[in-house]
N, C-alpha and C. Protein backbone atom coordinates (compact mmCIF):
# COMPACT_ATOMS: atom_id res chain seq x y z
N MET A 1 0.85 -1.17 0.00
CA MET A 1 0.00 0.00 0.00
C MET A 1 0.90 1.23 0.00
N LEU A 2 0.63 2.18 -0.87
CA LEU A 2 1.39 3.40 -0.94
C LEU A 2 0.61 4.54 -0.32
N TYR A 3 1.28 5.36 0.44
CA TYR A 3 0.67 6.60 0.91
C TYR A 3 1.77 7.61 1.11
N GLY A 4 1.51 8.81 0.71
CA GLY A 4 2.50 9.87 0.88
C GLY A 4 3.85 9.53 0.29
N GLY A 5 3.87 8.71 -0.76
CA GLY A 5 5.14 8.35 -1.38
C GLY A 5 5.90 7.26 -0.63
N ASN A 6 5.33 6.74 0.45
CA ASN A 6 5.99 5.70 1.23
C ASN A 6 5.23 4.40 1.10
N LEU A 7 5.95 3.31 1.14
CA LEU A 7 5.34 1.99 1.09
C LEU A 7 5.15 1.48 2.51
N VAL A 8 3.91 1.11 2.82
CA VAL A 8 3.61 0.56 4.14
C VAL A 8 3.10 -0.85 3.91
N ILE A 9 3.72 -1.81 4.57
CA ILE A 9 3.31 -3.19 4.40
C ILE A 9 2.68 -3.66 5.71
N ILE A 10 1.39 -4.00 5.62
CA ILE A 10 0.71 -4.59 6.76
C ILE A 10 -0.13 -5.73 6.22
N ASN A 11 -0.39 -6.71 7.06
CA ASN A 11 -1.17 -7.84 6.57
C ASN A 11 -2.65 -7.49 6.57
N LYS A 12 -3.41 -8.29 5.85
CA LYS A 12 -4.83 -8.01 5.65
C LYS A 12 -5.61 -7.99 6.95
N SER A 13 -5.36 -8.94 7.82
CA SER A 13 -6.12 -9.01 9.07
C SER A 13 -5.81 -7.81 9.96
N GLU A 14 -4.56 -7.36 9.94
CA GLU A 14 -4.18 -6.18 10.72
C GLU A 14 -4.89 -4.94 10.20
N LEU A 15 -4.97 -4.81 8.88
CA LEU A 15 -5.66 -3.67 8.29
C LEU A 15 -7.15 -3.70 8.62
N VAL A 16 -7.77 -4.86 8.51
CA VAL A 16 -9.20 -4.99 8.83
C VAL A 16 -9.45 -4.63 10.29
N THR A 17 -8.63 -5.15 11.19
CA THR A 17 -8.78 -4.85 12.61
C THR A 17 -8.61 -3.36 12.86
N PHE A 18 -7.60 -2.78 12.24
CA PHE A 18 -7.34 -1.35 12.40
C PHE A 18 -8.53 -0.53 11.91
N ILE A 19 -9.04 -0.86 10.75
CA ILE A 19 -10.17 -0.10 10.19
C ILE A 19 -11.42 -0.29 11.04
N LEU A 20 -11.67 -1.51 11.50
CA LEU A 20 -12.86 -1.74 12.31
C LEU A 20 -12.80 -0.97 13.63
N LYS A 21 -11.62 -0.89 14.24
CA LYS A 21 -11.47 -0.10 15.46
C LYS A 21 -11.74 1.36 15.18
N ARG A 22 -11.18 1.86 14.09
CA ARG A 22 -11.36 3.26 13.73
C ARG A 22 -12.77 3.53 13.26
N ARG A 23 -13.42 2.54 12.74
CA ARG A 23 -14.77 2.70 12.22
C ARG A 23 -15.74 3.10 13.33
N LYS A 24 -15.43 2.69 14.55
CA LYS A 24 -16.27 3.08 15.67
C LYS A 24 -16.27 4.59 15.84
N MET A 25 -15.19 5.24 15.43
CA MET A 25 -15.08 6.69 15.54
C MET A 25 -15.46 7.39 14.25
N ASN A 26 -15.29 6.74 13.12
CA ASN A 26 -15.58 7.32 11.81
C ASN A 26 -16.60 6.46 11.09
N VAL A 27 -17.52 7.08 10.44
CA VAL A 27 -18.50 6.32 9.66
C VAL A 27 -18.03 6.32 8.21
N PHE A 28 -17.72 5.13 7.70
CA PHE A 28 -17.31 4.99 6.32
C PHE A 28 -18.50 4.59 5.47
N THR A 29 -18.51 5.06 4.24
CA THR A 29 -19.59 4.72 3.31
C THR A 29 -19.00 3.91 2.17
N GLU A 30 -18.64 2.69 2.47
CA GLU A 30 -18.01 1.84 1.47
C GLU A 30 -19.06 1.05 0.69
N LYS A 31 -18.66 0.64 -0.50
CA LYS A 31 -19.47 -0.23 -1.34
C LYS A 31 -18.60 -1.42 -1.68
N PHE A 32 -19.21 -2.58 -1.80
CA PHE A 32 -18.46 -3.80 -2.05
C PHE A 32 -18.77 -4.34 -3.43
N ILE A 33 -17.76 -4.91 -4.06
CA ILE A 33 -17.94 -5.62 -5.32
C ILE A 33 -17.87 -7.11 -4.99
N ILE A 34 -18.90 -7.82 -5.36
CA ILE A 34 -19.04 -9.24 -5.05
C ILE A 34 -18.89 -10.04 -6.34
N ASP A 35 -18.11 -11.12 -6.30
CA ASP A 35 -17.97 -11.95 -7.49
C ASP A 35 -19.14 -12.91 -7.62
N ASN A 36 -19.12 -13.75 -8.64
CA ASN A 36 -20.21 -14.68 -8.91
C ASN A 36 -20.40 -15.72 -7.81
N ASN A 37 -19.38 -15.91 -6.99
CA ASN A 37 -19.47 -16.88 -5.90
C ASN A 37 -19.91 -16.24 -4.59
N GLY A 38 -20.23 -14.95 -4.64
CA GLY A 38 -20.67 -14.25 -3.44
C GLY A 38 -19.54 -13.77 -2.56
N LYS A 39 -18.33 -13.84 -3.07
CA LYS A 39 -17.15 -13.41 -2.31
C LYS A 39 -16.87 -11.93 -2.58
N CYS A 40 -16.62 -11.18 -1.50
CA CYS A 40 -16.27 -9.76 -1.64
C CYS A 40 -14.86 -9.68 -2.21
N THR A 41 -14.73 -9.00 -3.34
CA THR A 41 -13.43 -8.93 -4.00
C THR A 41 -12.83 -7.53 -4.01
N GLU A 42 -13.64 -6.52 -3.89
CA GLU A 42 -13.17 -5.14 -3.94
C GLU A 42 -14.01 -4.28 -3.00
N VAL A 43 -13.43 -3.15 -2.60
CA VAL A 43 -14.15 -2.16 -1.79
C VAL A 43 -14.01 -0.82 -2.48
N ILE A 44 -15.10 -0.11 -2.59
CA ILE A 44 -15.08 1.23 -3.15
C ILE A 44 -15.35 2.21 -2.02
N LEU A 45 -14.47 3.19 -1.90
CA LEU A 45 -14.59 4.22 -0.85
C LEU A 45 -14.69 5.59 -1.50
N SER A 46 -15.32 6.51 -0.80
CA SER A 46 -15.27 7.90 -1.25
C SER A 46 -13.85 8.40 -1.03
N ILE A 47 -13.49 9.45 -1.74
CA ILE A 47 -12.15 10.01 -1.59
C ILE A 47 -11.94 10.51 -0.17
N GLU A 48 -12.99 11.03 0.46
CA GLU A 48 -12.90 11.51 1.84
C GLU A 48 -12.57 10.36 2.79
N ASP A 49 -13.26 9.23 2.63
CA ASP A 49 -12.98 8.06 3.47
C ASP A 49 -11.58 7.53 3.22
N TYR A 50 -11.18 7.52 1.95
CA TYR A 50 -9.84 7.06 1.59
C TYR A 50 -8.78 7.92 2.28
N LYS A 51 -8.98 9.24 2.26
CA LYS A 51 -8.03 10.14 2.91
C LYS A 51 -8.01 9.93 4.41
N LYS A 52 -9.17 9.65 5.02
CA LYS A 52 -9.22 9.36 6.46
C LYS A 52 -8.39 8.12 6.77
N ILE A 53 -8.53 7.09 5.95
CA ILE A 53 -7.79 5.85 6.17
C ILE A 53 -6.29 6.10 6.01
N LEU A 54 -5.90 6.87 5.00
CA LEU A 54 -4.48 7.18 4.82
C LEU A 54 -3.92 7.92 6.03
N LYS A 55 -4.69 8.86 6.54
CA LYS A 55 -4.25 9.61 7.73
C LYS A 55 -4.08 8.67 8.92
N GLU A 56 -5.02 7.75 9.10
CA GLU A 56 -4.93 6.79 10.20
C GLU A 56 -3.74 5.85 10.01
N LEU A 57 -3.46 5.46 8.77
CA LEU A 57 -2.29 4.60 8.51
C LEU A 57 -0.99 5.33 8.82
N GLU A 58 -0.94 6.62 8.50
CA GLU A 58 0.25 7.40 8.84
C GLU A 58 0.45 7.44 10.36
N GLU A 59 -0.64 7.62 11.08
CA GLU A 59 -0.56 7.64 12.54
C GLU A 59 -0.09 6.27 13.07
N LEU A 60 -0.64 5.22 12.50
CA LEU A 60 -0.24 3.87 12.91
C LEU A 60 1.24 3.64 12.63
N GLU A 61 1.72 4.08 11.49
CA GLU A 61 3.12 3.90 11.16
C GLU A 61 4.02 4.69 12.11
N SER A 62 3.59 5.88 12.51
CA SER A 62 4.35 6.66 13.48
C SER A 62 4.41 5.96 14.83
N ILE A 63 3.31 5.38 15.23
CA ILE A 63 3.26 4.65 16.50
C ILE A 63 4.18 3.44 16.43
N ARG A 64 4.15 2.72 15.32
CA ARG A 64 5.05 1.57 15.16
C ARG A 64 6.51 1.99 15.22
N ALA A 65 6.85 3.07 14.52
CA ALA A 65 8.23 3.54 14.50
C ALA A 65 8.68 3.92 15.91
N TYR A 66 7.81 4.59 16.65
CA TYR A 66 8.12 4.95 18.03
C TYR A 66 8.33 3.70 18.88
N ASP A 67 7.42 2.73 18.74
CA ASP A 67 7.54 1.49 19.51
C ASP A 67 8.83 0.75 19.19
N GLU A 68 9.20 0.69 17.91
CA GLU A 68 10.43 0.02 17.51
C GLU A 68 11.65 0.76 18.08
N ALA A 69 11.59 2.08 18.03
CA ALA A 69 12.73 2.86 18.52
C ALA A 69 12.91 2.69 20.02
N THR A 70 11.81 2.70 20.77
CA THR A 70 11.93 2.56 22.22
C THR A 70 12.30 1.13 22.62
N ALA A 71 11.90 0.15 21.81
CA ALA A 71 12.22 -1.25 22.13
C ALA A 71 13.64 -1.62 21.74
N SER A 72 14.28 -0.80 20.90
CA SER A 72 15.61 -1.15 20.40
C SER A 72 16.68 -1.07 21.48
N GLY A 73 16.43 -0.26 22.51
CA GLY A 73 17.43 -0.12 23.56
C GLY A 73 18.57 0.80 23.17
N ASP A 74 18.48 1.42 21.99
CA ASP A 74 19.52 2.36 21.55
C ASP A 74 19.52 3.60 22.44
N GLU A 75 20.65 4.25 22.47
CA GLU A 75 20.78 5.49 23.24
C GLU A 75 19.90 6.57 22.61
N VAL A 76 19.18 7.29 23.43
CA VAL A 76 18.34 8.37 22.96
C VAL A 76 19.13 9.67 23.06
N ILE A 77 19.17 10.41 21.94
CA ILE A 77 19.86 11.70 21.95
C ILE A 77 18.92 12.76 21.37
N PRO A 78 19.12 14.02 21.76
CA PRO A 78 18.28 15.10 21.23
C PRO A 78 18.47 15.25 19.72
N LEU A 79 17.43 15.73 19.05
CA LEU A 79 17.47 15.89 17.60
C LEU A 79 18.61 16.78 17.15
N ASP A 80 18.83 17.90 17.81
CA ASP A 80 19.89 18.80 17.38
C ASP A 80 21.27 18.15 17.48
N GLN A 81 21.47 17.30 18.48
CA GLN A 81 22.73 16.57 18.60
C GLN A 81 22.86 15.56 17.47
N ALA A 82 21.78 14.88 17.13
CA ALA A 82 21.81 13.91 16.03
C ALA A 82 22.16 14.60 14.72
N ILE A 83 21.58 15.78 14.49
CA ILE A 83 21.86 16.53 13.26
C ILE A 83 23.33 16.93 13.21
N ARG A 84 23.88 17.39 14.35
CA ARG A 84 25.29 17.77 14.40
C ARG A 84 26.17 16.56 14.08
N GLU A 85 25.84 15.41 14.65
CA GLU A 85 26.65 14.21 14.40
C GLU A 85 26.58 13.78 12.94
N ILE A 86 25.42 13.90 12.35
CA ILE A 86 25.27 13.56 10.92
C ILE A 86 26.11 14.50 10.06
N GLU A 87 26.06 15.78 10.38
CA GLU A 87 26.83 16.78 9.63
C GLU A 87 28.33 16.52 9.75
N VAL A 88 28.79 16.18 10.94
CA VAL A 88 30.21 15.89 11.16
C VAL A 88 30.63 14.66 10.36
N ASN A 89 29.77 13.65 10.32
CA ASN A 89 30.11 12.42 9.60
C ASN A 89 30.06 12.59 8.09
N LYS A 90 29.38 13.61 7.60
CA LYS A 90 29.32 13.87 6.15
C LYS A 90 30.67 14.35 5.62
N LYS A 91 31.44 15.03 6.48
CA LYS A 91 32.69 15.66 6.06
C LYS A 91 33.82 14.70 5.93
C-alpha cells in the first residue's frame, strides 16, 4: 500500500482490525464488489474516506516507529545533537 510516497506493508487481518477499530469513531460509506461466488473482491470508498484511512495509517506507522525505537534499547539523543553528528560524519 502506498501513501504519501511511502510503502507501508501490513497484513490483511491487521488492516481490517485497524479499520474496524477506527470505524467506531468514523462512519465509512463503502461499497463492495461481489464476485459470482458471493465473495467480496473489492471495496469502493469515497475520496474523503480514503483520505481518512491514509491519515490513520500514517498515525499507525508513526506509532510503530516509536515502539520500535523505544524497544531497540539504543541510546536516545536530542534531535539537534543527532543533526550535528550527521553533519560531522558527512565531512
